[in-house]
Amino acid sequence: MSASPDSTGATAGGTAGPGATDLTTPAPAAGTRSGGAGGSGGSDPKGTSVDAVQASLARRIARSNVLVVVLAFVVAFVIGSVLILVSDEDVRTAAGYFFARPADTFSTAWTTITEAYAAMFRGAVFDDRGFARVSESLRERGGSGTYVLLPALAAGLTPLTETLTVATPLIIASVGMAVAFRAGLFNIGGTGQLIVGAAAAGYVGFAIELPPGIHLLACLLAGIAGGAFWGGIAGFLKARFGANEVITTIMLNWIATYGLAFALTTQAFTGANKNQPTSPATHDSAELPLLLGSGFRLHAGLLIALAAIVFLWWLMSRSTLGFRFRAVGSNPRASEVAGVDVGRSAVGVMLVAGALVGLAGAVHVLGTEHRLTGGVAGSIGFDAITVALLGRSGPVGILLAGLLFAGLGTGGRFMETTQGIPLDLVQVIQALVVLFIAAPALVRSLVGLRGVDAPKGPRRRRGRRPPSSSAARTEGETA
């Protein structure tokens, strides 16, 4: 028995077309796909879709940048733990009679690792022993309540304030690096730009006398101008002559380093200290004010670092200039076709990046150093590259990465002092973190997630290739 199509061209059985349809065939149930793969074999299409969503979510999590960063730190700290055990004398001694008393080796190893990382935490975030020591001392003197709590908290949070102090110039310099990276330029000249900015700010700080407030502002502007000038040189060479910014910025680093060393031998930078390669101390009116009093080194440069983070977000996400920078970094040729002057953008990028790194040098001198020395830049310039890469050149990422690297530095020095573990191991951990973040596929393969980078599709069956017409004709003739 059959039914003819209705006026819309669909049959009574639900099949479109001008043909007849058997009414005895049951219509597909709601929520199922007629003739689809989901209904074959009695499987539940809804369950299949949920499994697919869950698998897709798990794959996205496995491929996310956050998981890569977390795994990079875990793997780096595991390798660091092995190095700590190898360098510890007690662990080596216990390992000498491992087969006689294996429990001693494991116990000593566990104690060494936990005490080392606990010391790193106490030196970077919160010193619980210092808190307890001050609290107990004040209670013995008859103190109670706020009289005990506030000094104890100050003693316990001193490592955190030191971490914030170290992180301040590092975060500002990393913001400058991020501007260049997101614009497609690999700025290696952080050290040189920071030195020039610090030298300019320091010179204005000790050689010129101005009213408070105005003096500090003049020093900061001098640091910004010095860093922008030094970065602009590399940008001009890139735009005008096509010089590689990696080579030019590295060479400018050495020029700035030896230029400062020479300047510290002249009377203009040393004043009465002719025999010492240091400058006079900056005037009090040029120093950044302390945020927590004279008992801590934390200064107002932290507020400047937070402002630099906000500036990076605004520049790259809300400004026309930042859009040009990102467009050139994504595709220079397409940007040029769209009317963007790529050469002028390169100069602008290096001016902005150099200005920010120069500001970091000014904050470093006016906030903590207060005088110029040959090693005033330290490792901030190169650490800023690491922090910018670790933070994915984003505002929040740079803030967290800067705090983390500063904490590793301050905690590592405390660990070296209290546990006798070399500070070089902390630098090894930092290098491993950068290495693993730069190679996410390596991290995933180490933890057994190699498949998420190259998902395998269904394998095709390899059948015998059909013979060509000439081969078939030959076979026929032979037969």
Protein backbone atom coordinates (compact mmCIF):
# COMPACT_ATOMS: atom_id res chain seq x y z
CA MET A 1 0.00 0.00 0.00
CA SER A 2 1.39 3.36 -0.94
CA ALA A 3 0.57 7.02 -0.65
CA SER A 4 1.04 9.78 -3.15
CA PRO A 5 2.98 12.89 -2.28
CA ASP A 6 1.14 15.76 -0.73
CA SER A 7 0.99 19.33 -2.02
CA THR A 8 4.40 20.23 -0.60
CA GLY A 9 6.13 17.46 -2.43
CA ALA A 10 6.80 15.36 0.69
CA THR A 11 5.41 11.85 1.02
CA ALA A 12 3.35 10.67 3.94
CA GLY A 13 6.31 8.70 5.19
CA GLY A 14 8.39 11.89 5.52
CA THR A 15 10.55 11.47 2.43
CA ALA A 16 10.74 14.38 0.00
CA GLY A 17 10.35 13.58 -3.63
CA PRO A 18 7.76 12.61 -6.20
CA GLY A 19 7.89 8.90 -5.54
CA ALA A 20 5.63 6.69 -3.49
CA THR A 21 6.51 5.61 0.04
CA ASP A 22 5.61 2.44 1.96
CA LEU A 23 3.38 3.30 4.89
CA THR A 24 4.47 0.19 6.77
CA THR A 25 7.97 1.68 7.23
CA PRO A 26 8.14 3.27 10.70
CA ALA A 27 9.02 6.96 10.84
CA PRO A 28 12.28 7.84 12.55
CA ALA A 29 11.96 8.57 16.23
CA ALA A 30 12.45 12.06 17.57
CA GLY A 31 16.02 12.92 18.42
CA THR A 32 17.50 10.36 16.03
CA ARG A 33 18.99 10.71 12.60
CA SER A 34 17.41 8.60 9.94
CA GLY A 35 20.04 6.65 8.15
CA GLY A 36 22.81 8.44 10.06
CA ALA A 37 25.80 6.89 11.69
CA GLY A 38 24.52 7.86 15.13
CA GLY A 39 21.62 5.42 14.90
CA SER A 40 23.51 2.49 13.47
CA GLY A 41 24.41 -0.42 15.63
CA GLY A 42 21.92 0.52 18.36
CA SER A 43 24.20 3.20 19.83
CA ASP A 44 22.74 6.25 21.56
CA PRO A 45 23.33 9.34 19.46
CA LYS A 46 22.98 11.60 22.49
CA GLY A 47 25.59 9.65 24.42
CA THR A 48 27.87 9.68 21.45
CA SER A 49 27.65 13.47 21.16
CA VAL A 50 28.39 13.89 24.89
CA ASP A 51 31.45 11.69 24.57
CA ALA A 52 32.59 13.72 21.59
CA VAL A 53 32.13 16.97 23.52
CA GLN A 54 34.04 15.59 26.49
CA ALA A 55 36.85 14.38 24.26
CA SER A 56 37.00 17.75 22.54
CA LEU A 57 37.09 19.55 25.90
CA ALA A 58 39.85 17.29 27.18
CA ARG A 59 41.84 17.91 24.02
CA ARG A 60 41.45 21.69 24.34
CA ILE A 61 42.60 21.55 27.97
CA ALA A 62 45.59 19.41 27.04
CA ARG A 63 46.57 21.87 24.32
CA SER A 64 45.99 25.03 26.40
CA ASN A 65 48.83 27.40 27.24
CA VAL A 66 47.95 27.36 30.95
CA LEU A 67 48.47 23.63 31.20
CA VAL A 68 51.76 23.91 29.31
CA VAL A 69 53.04 26.55 31.76
CA VAL A 70 51.97 24.49 34.79
CA LEU A 71 53.55 21.32 33.40
CA ALA A 72 56.71 23.23 32.49
CA PHE A 73 57.12 24.31 36.10
CA VAL A 74 56.36 20.86 37.43
CA VAL A 75 58.91 19.19 35.14
CA ALA A 76 61.49 21.93 35.84
CA PHE A 77 61.09 21.55 39.60
CA VAL A 78 61.35 17.76 39.32
CA ILE A 79 64.64 18.10 37.46
CA GLY A 80 65.71 20.74 39.97
CA SER A 81 64.93 18.32 42.78
CA VAL A 82 67.22 15.74 41.21
CA LEU A 83 70.00 18.33 41.01
CA ILE A 84 69.43 19.30 44.65
CA LEU A 85 69.77 15.67 45.70
CA VAL A 86 72.96 15.24 43.70
CA SER A 87 74.52 18.36 45.24
CA ASP A 88 73.55 17.53 48.84
CA GLU A 89 76.28 15.85 50.86
CA ASP A 90 73.91 14.08 53.27
CA VAL A 91 72.01 12.47 50.41
CA ARG A 92 75.23 11.28 48.80
CA THR A 93 76.36 9.80 52.11
CA ALA A 94 73.06 7.97 52.64
CA ALA A 95 73.16 6.70 49.08
CA GLY A 96 76.55 5.12 49.81
CA TYR A 97 74.89 2.45 51.98
CA PHE A 98 71.59 2.36 50.08
CA PHE A 99 71.40 -1.44 49.83
CA ALA A 100 72.01 -1.84 53.56
CA ARG A 101 69.47 0.78 54.71
CA PRO A 102 67.44 2.11 51.77
CA ALA A 103 64.98 3.88 54.06
CA ASP A 104 67.70 6.30 55.15
CA THR A 105 68.30 7.40 51.57
CA PHE A 106 64.64 8.05 50.85
CA SER A 107 64.11 9.83 54.16
CA THR A 108 67.14 12.05 53.70
CA ALA A 109 66.19 12.85 50.11
CA TRP A 110 62.64 13.79 51.08
CA THR A 111 63.84 15.97 53.96
CA THR A 112 66.36 17.73 51.73
CA ILE A 113 63.86 18.53 48.99
CA THR A 114 61.06 19.68 51.30
CA GLU A 115 63.36 21.87 53.38
CA ALA A 116 64.90 23.40 50.25
CA TYR A 117 61.60 24.38 48.66
CA ALA A 118 60.17 25.44 52.04
CA ALA A 119 63.15 27.75 52.44
CA MET A 120 62.52 29.13 48.96
CA PHE A 121 58.92 29.88 49.89
CA ARG A 122 59.96 31.50 53.17
CA GLY A 123 62.45 33.67 51.35
CA ALA A 124 60.02 34.75 48.65
CA VAL A 125 56.52 34.94 50.13
CA PHE A 126 56.09 34.49 53.88
CA ASP A 127 58.61 33.72 56.62
CA ASP A 128 56.59 31.77 59.15
CA ARG A 129 59.59 31.28 61.40
CA GLY A 130 60.27 35.00 61.51
CA PHE A 131 56.60 35.60 62.28
CA ALA A 132 56.70 33.09 65.15
CA ARG A 133 60.02 34.41 66.47
CA VAL A 134 58.88 38.03 66.65
CA SER A 135 55.49 37.08 68.03
CA GLU A 136 57.03 34.96 70.79
CA SER A 137 59.57 37.64 71.66
CA LEU A 138 56.89 40.32 72.03
CA ARG A 139 54.66 38.05 74.11
CA GLU A 140 57.54 37.39 76.48
CA ARG A 141 57.76 41.13 76.99
CA GLY A 142 54.11 41.25 77.97
CA GLY A 143 52.67 42.39 74.64
CA SER A 144 49.33 41.26 73.28
CA GLY A 145 46.83 41.95 70.52
CA THR A 146 47.75 44.42 67.81
CA TYR A 147 51.02 45.27 69.53
CA VAL A 148 52.18 41.72 68.75
CA LEU A 149 50.34 41.03 65.50
CA LEU A 150 51.50 43.97 63.42
CA PRO A 151 55.26 43.61 64.06
CA ALA A 152 54.98 39.84 63.59
CA LEU A 153 53.18 40.29 60.26
CA ALA A 154 55.80 42.82 59.20
CA ALA A 155 58.54 40.28 59.91
CA GLY A 156 56.67 37.51 58.11
CA LEU A 157 55.82 39.57 55.03
CA THR A 158 59.27 41.09 54.60
CA PRO A 159 60.20 38.48 51.94
CA LEU A 160 57.06 39.35 49.95
CA THR A 161 57.92 43.04 49.96
CA GLU A 162 61.42 42.19 48.77
CA THR A 163 59.97 40.08 45.96
CA LEU A 164 57.75 42.97 44.88
CA THR A 165 60.75 45.31 44.96
CA VAL A 166 62.80 43.03 42.71
CA ALA A 167 59.83 42.45 40.41
CA THR A 168 59.10 46.14 39.86
CA PRO A 169 61.79 47.04 37.26
CA LEU A 170 61.55 43.55 35.80
CA ILE A 171 57.85 43.94 35.02
CA ILE A 172 58.30 47.39 33.47
CA ALA A 173 61.15 46.17 31.26
CA SER A 174 59.12 43.10 30.27
CA VAL A 175 56.28 45.33 29.12
CA GLY A 176 58.73 47.05 26.75
CA MET A 177 59.89 43.69 25.46
CA ALA A 178 56.30 42.58 24.93
CA VAL A 179 55.54 45.60 22.74
CA ALA A 180 58.40 44.65 20.42
CA PHE A 181 57.56 40.93 20.42
CA ARG A 182 53.91 41.48 19.52
CA ALA A 183 54.99 43.76 16.71
CA GLY A 184 57.19 41.04 15.23
CA LEU A 185 60.55 42.49 16.39
CA PHE A 186 62.83 40.47 18.65
CA ASN A 187 64.32 43.11 20.92
CA ILE A 188 67.48 41.79 22.60
CA GLY A 189 68.63 45.26 23.61
CA GLY A 190 66.94 45.45 26.98
CA THR A 191 70.23 45.69 28.83
CA GLY A 192 71.52 48.59 26.73
CA GLN A 193 68.23 50.48 26.84
CA LEU A 194 68.00 49.98 30.59
CA ILE A 195 71.59 51.18 31.11
CA VAL A 196 71.05 54.34 29.06
CA GLY A 197 67.76 55.06 30.82
CA ALA A 198 69.34 54.49 34.24
CA ALA A 199 72.35 56.65 33.36
CA ALA A 200 70.16 59.51 32.15
CA ALA A 201 67.89 59.37 35.19
CA GLY A 202 70.79 58.97 37.60
CA TYR A 203 72.69 61.89 36.12
CA VAL A 204 69.70 64.20 36.42
CA GLY A 205 69.19 62.85 39.93
CA PHE A 206 72.63 63.73 41.31
CA ALA A 207 73.82 66.55 39.03
CA ILE A 208 70.75 68.80 39.01
CA GLU A 209 68.88 70.27 41.95
CA LEU A 210 65.14 70.79 41.51
CA PRO A 211 62.14 70.99 43.84
CA PRO A 212 60.72 67.69 45.12
CA GLY A 213 58.22 66.14 42.77
CA ILE A 214 59.51 68.09 39.79
CA HIS A 215 62.94 66.57 40.28
CA LEU A 216 61.55 63.02 40.39
CA LEU A 217 59.43 63.66 37.30
CA ALA A 218 62.42 65.08 35.43
CA CYS A 219 64.48 62.00 36.28
CA LEU A 220 61.75 59.64 35.07
CA LEU A 221 61.34 61.59 31.83
CA ALA A 222 65.11 61.54 31.31
CA GLY A 223 65.10 57.76 31.70
CA ILE A 224 62.23 57.40 29.24
CA ALA A 225 63.97 59.65 26.70
CA GLY A 226 67.28 57.82 27.06
CA GLY A 227 65.75 54.39 26.55
CA ALA A 228 63.62 55.61 23.62
CA PHE A 229 66.69 57.10 21.94
CA TRP A 230 68.69 53.89 22.36
CA GLY A 231 65.87 51.70 21.10
CA GLY A 232 65.10 54.11 18.27
CA ILE A 233 68.61 53.62 16.89
CA ALA A 234 67.87 49.95 16.26
CA GLY A 235 64.46 50.81 14.80
CA PHE A 236 65.97 53.37 12.42
CA LEU A 237 68.63 50.92 11.23
CA LYS A 238 65.91 48.34 10.66
CA ALA A 239 63.68 50.71 8.69
CA ARG A 240 66.37 52.53 6.71
CA PHE A 241 68.91 49.81 5.95
CA GLY A 242 67.07 46.58 6.76
CA ALA A 243 69.53 45.73 9.55
CA ASN A 244 68.50 42.78 11.68
CA GLU A 245 67.29 44.08 15.04
CA VAL A 246 68.78 41.10 16.89
CA ILE A 247 72.31 41.99 15.78
CA THR A 248 71.96 45.74 16.23
CA THR A 249 70.42 45.52 19.69
CA ILE A 250 73.08 43.09 20.89
CA MET A 251 75.83 45.42 19.67
CA LEU A 252 74.07 48.39 21.28
CA ASN A 253 74.09 46.47 24.57
CA TRP A 254 77.87 46.34 24.52
CA ILE A 255 78.16 49.97 23.48
CA ALA A 256 75.97 51.02 26.42
CA THR A 257 77.83 48.77 28.87
CA TYR A 258 81.29 50.02 27.98
CA GLY A 259 80.00 53.56 27.51
CA LEU A 260 78.78 53.61 31.12
CA ALA A 261 82.06 52.08 32.28
CA PHE A 262 83.92 54.91 30.55
CA ALA A 263 81.53 57.55 31.90
CA LEU A 264 82.19 56.36 35.45
CA THR A 265 85.85 57.25 34.98
CA THR A 266 85.05 60.88 34.14
CA GLN A 267 84.56 63.66 36.64
CA ALA A 268 81.09 64.42 35.28
CA PHE A 269 79.77 61.08 36.56
CA THR A 270 82.01 60.46 39.56
CA GLY A 271 82.35 63.95 41.03
CA ALA A 272 84.68 63.79 44.02
CA ASN A 273 84.94 59.97 43.81
CA LYS A 274 87.53 59.98 41.07
CA ASN A 275 89.14 56.74 42.17
CA GLN A 276 85.87 54.80 42.47
CA PRO A 277 83.75 53.75 39.46
CA THR A 278 80.52 54.91 41.09
CA SER A 279 78.49 58.08 40.81
CA PRO A 280 77.37 60.28 43.69
CA ALA A 281 74.08 59.32 45.32
CA THR A 282 70.94 60.85 43.89
CA HIS A 283 69.33 63.68 45.82
CA ASP A 284 66.48 62.87 48.17
CA SER A 285 64.14 64.91 46.00
CA ALA A 286 64.81 62.53 43.08
CA GLU A 287 64.16 59.28 44.94
CA LEU A 288 60.96 57.30 44.69
CA PRO A 289 59.05 57.42 48.00
CA LEU A 290 58.85 54.29 50.11
CA LEU A 291 55.42 52.71 50.41
CA LEU A 292 55.82 50.94 53.79
CA GLY A 293 58.29 53.12 55.63
CA SER A 294 62.03 52.97 56.13
CA GLY A 295 61.93 49.37 57.34
CA PHE A 296 61.19 48.07 53.84
CA ARG A 297 62.66 48.69 50.40
CA LEU A 298 59.34 48.62 48.58
CA HIS A 299 58.88 51.94 46.79
CA ALA A 300 56.37 53.74 44.57
CA GLY A 301 57.89 52.16 41.48
CA LEU A 302 55.45 49.31 42.08
CA LEU A 303 52.62 51.69 41.15
CA ILE A 304 54.51 52.62 37.99
CA ALA A 305 54.83 48.91 37.14
CA LEU A 306 51.08 48.44 37.52
CA ALA A 307 50.51 51.50 35.33
CA ALA A 308 52.83 49.99 32.71
CA ILE A 309 50.73 46.81 32.71
CA VAL A 310 47.57 48.85 32.13
CA PHE A 311 49.35 50.83 29.41
CA LEU A 312 50.31 47.62 27.61
CA TRP A 313 46.69 46.47 27.66
CA TRP A 314 45.43 49.81 26.37
CA LEU A 315 48.12 50.14 23.71
CA MET A 316 47.67 46.72 22.20
CA SER A 317 43.93 46.31 22.68
CA ARG A 318 42.39 49.75 22.46
CA SER A 319 44.66 52.09 20.47
CA THR A 320 45.09 52.59 16.74
CA LEU A 321 48.87 52.62 17.13
CA GLY A 322 48.80 49.25 18.84
CA PHE A 323 46.60 47.86 16.08
CA ARG A 324 49.22 48.91 13.53
CA PHE A 325 51.93 47.27 15.62
CA ARG A 326 50.01 44.01 15.85
CA ALA A 327 49.09 44.07 12.18
CA VAL A 328 52.72 44.52 11.15
CA GLY A 329 53.76 41.77 13.54
CA SER A 330 51.16 39.37 12.15
CA ASN A 331 51.76 39.99 8.44
CA PRO A 332 54.09 42.81 7.32
CA ARG A 333 53.38 42.35 3.62
CA ALA A 334 49.61 42.45 4.04
CA SER A 335 49.95 45.50 6.28
CA GLU A 336 52.02 47.25 3.64
CA VAL A 337 49.39 46.49 1.01
CA ALA A 338 46.75 47.93 3.37
CA GLY A 339 48.66 51.20 3.52
CA VAL A 340 50.66 50.78 6.75
CA ASP A 341 54.23 52.11 6.61
CA VAL A 342 56.15 49.09 7.91
CA GLY A 343 59.43 50.96 8.28
CA ARG A 344 57.86 53.78 10.27
CA SER A 345 56.08 51.20 12.42
CA ALA A 346 59.41 49.51 13.20
CA VAL A 347 60.85 52.82 14.38
CA GLY A 348 57.74 53.51 16.47
CA VAL A 349 57.84 50.05 18.03
CA MET A 350 61.46 50.37 19.09
CA LEU A 351 60.86 53.91 20.41
CA VAL A 352 57.99 52.72 22.61
CA ALA A 353 59.80 49.56 23.70
CA GLY A 354 63.00 51.44 24.48
CA ALA A 355 61.10 54.11 26.40
CA LEU A 356 59.50 51.51 28.66
CA VAL A 357 62.77 49.68 29.28
CA GLY A 358 64.47 53.03 29.95
CA LEU A 359 61.72 53.79 32.46
CA ALA A 360 62.56 50.49 34.16
CA GLY A 361 66.18 51.60 34.46
CA ALA A 362 65.13 54.94 35.93
CA VAL A 363 62.86 53.23 38.48
CA HIS A 364 65.65 50.82 39.39
CA VAL A 365 68.12 53.64 40.07
CA LEU A 366 65.74 56.02 41.79
CA GLY A 367 64.02 53.32 43.85
CA THR A 368 66.70 50.92 45.07
CA GLU A 369 70.22 51.65 43.78
CA HIS A 370 70.34 55.46 44.24
CA ARG A 371 73.67 55.63 42.39
CA LEU A 372 75.23 54.47 39.12
CA THR A 373 77.66 51.56 39.02
CA GLY A 374 79.08 49.40 36.28
CA GLY A 375 76.66 46.60 37.13
CA VAL A 376 73.57 48.73 37.63
CA ALA A 377 71.59 46.78 35.01
CA GLY A 378 72.37 43.38 36.47
CA SER A 379 70.45 40.67 34.66
CA ILE A 380 67.19 42.63 34.41
CA GLY A 381 67.50 43.22 30.67
CA PHE A 382 67.83 39.54 29.78
CA ASP A 383 65.41 38.36 32.47
CA ALA A 384 62.82 40.70 30.96
CA ILE A 385 63.04 38.76 27.71
CA THR A 386 62.33 35.56 29.61
CA VAL A 387 59.43 37.08 31.53
CA ALA A 388 57.86 38.50 28.36
CA LEU A 389 58.10 35.12 26.63
CA LEU A 390 56.82 33.29 29.70
CA GLY A 391 53.89 35.69 30.02
CA ARG A 392 53.02 35.31 26.31
CA SER A 393 53.51 39.09 25.97
CA GLY A 394 50.16 39.67 27.68
CA PRO A 395 49.52 42.05 30.59
CA VAL A 396 48.34 39.47 33.13
CA GLY A 397 50.91 36.91 32.02
CA ILE A 398 53.77 39.39 32.37
CA LEU A 399 52.59 40.45 35.82
CA LEU A 400 52.43 36.85 37.07
CA ALA A 401 55.66 35.81 35.36
CA GLY A 402 57.51 38.83 36.74
CA LEU A 403 56.37 38.07 40.29
CA LEU A 404 57.29 34.43 39.82
CA PHE A 405 60.79 35.11 38.54
CA ALA A 406 61.41 37.68 41.26
CA GLY A 407 60.21 35.17 43.84
CA LEU A 408 62.54 32.51 42.49
CA GLY A 409 65.44 34.96 42.77
CA THR A 410 64.77 36.16 46.31
CA GLY A 411 63.75 32.70 47.49
CA GLY A 412 66.82 31.17 45.87
CA ARG A 413 69.15 33.51 47.72
CA PHE A 414 67.44 32.68 51.01
CA MET A 415 67.66 28.98 50.19
CA GLU A 416 71.37 29.33 49.51
CA THR A 417 71.91 31.12 52.82
CA THR A 418 69.91 28.76 55.01
CA GLN A 419 70.27 25.40 53.25
CA GLY A 420 73.62 25.76 51.52
CA ILE A 421 72.10 24.97 48.10
CA PRO A 422 73.78 26.92 45.28
CA LEU A 423 71.78 29.75 43.75
CA ASP A 424 72.82 28.44 40.34
CA LEU A 425 70.23 25.68 40.71
CA VAL A 426 67.47 28.30 40.76
CA GLN A 427 68.83 29.73 37.53
CA VAL A 428 68.82 26.22 36.07
CA ILE A 429 65.14 25.90 37.00
CA GLN A 430 64.39 29.24 35.34
CA ALA A 431 66.19 28.16 32.17
CA LEU A 432 64.34 24.84 32.13
CA VAL A 433 60.99 26.60 32.50
CA VAL A 434 61.72 28.79 29.50
CA LEU A 435 62.97 25.81 27.50
CA PHE A 436 59.84 23.76 28.17
CA ILE A 437 57.47 26.65 27.50
CA ALA A 438 59.23 27.30 24.20
CA ALA A 439 58.72 23.63 23.28
CA PRO A 440 55.19 22.67 24.40
CA ALA A 441 55.27 19.46 22.38
CA LEU A 442 58.28 18.35 24.45
CA VAL A 443 56.40 18.98 27.70
CA ARG A 444 53.35 17.06 26.52
CA SER A 445 55.46 14.13 25.38
CA LEU A 446 57.21 14.00 28.76
CA VAL A 447 53.89 13.67 30.59
CA GLY A 448 52.30 11.30 28.07
CA LEU A 449 50.16 13.78 26.11
CA ARG A 450 51.99 13.44 22.82
CA GLY A 451 48.83 12.49 20.94
CA VAL A 452 47.19 15.89 21.35
CA ASP A 453 49.75 17.54 19.08
CA ALA A 454 49.25 15.12 16.18
CA PRO A 455 45.86 13.45 16.52
CA LYS A 456 45.60 10.33 14.48
CA GLY A 457 42.64 9.87 12.18
CA PRO A 458 41.17 6.55 11.15
CA ARG A 459 43.66 4.45 9.28
CA ARG A 460 42.84 3.70 5.68
CA ARG A 461 42.99 0.20 4.39
CA ARG A 462 45.66 -0.23 1.85
CA GLY A 463 44.14 -2.25 -0.96
CA ARG A 464 45.75 -3.44 -4.14
CA ARG A 465 45.92 -0.69 -6.70
CA PRO A 466 43.84 -1.52 -9.81
CA PRO A 467 45.98 -2.15 -12.85
CA SER A 468 46.18 0.56 -15.46
CA SER A 469 44.45 0.10 -18.81
CA SER A 470 47.72 -0.74 -20.57
CA ALA A 471 48.66 -3.26 -17.92
CA ALA A 472 45.20 -4.83 -18.09
CA ARG A 473 45.42 -5.03 -21.89
CA THR A 474 48.82 -6.71 -21.65
CA GLU A 475 47.52 -9.21 -19.12
CA GLY A 476 44.57 -9.97 -21.42
CA GLU A 477 46.78 -10.50 -24.42
CA THR A 478 49.05 -12.76 -22.40
CA ALA A 479 46.10 -14.82 -21.28
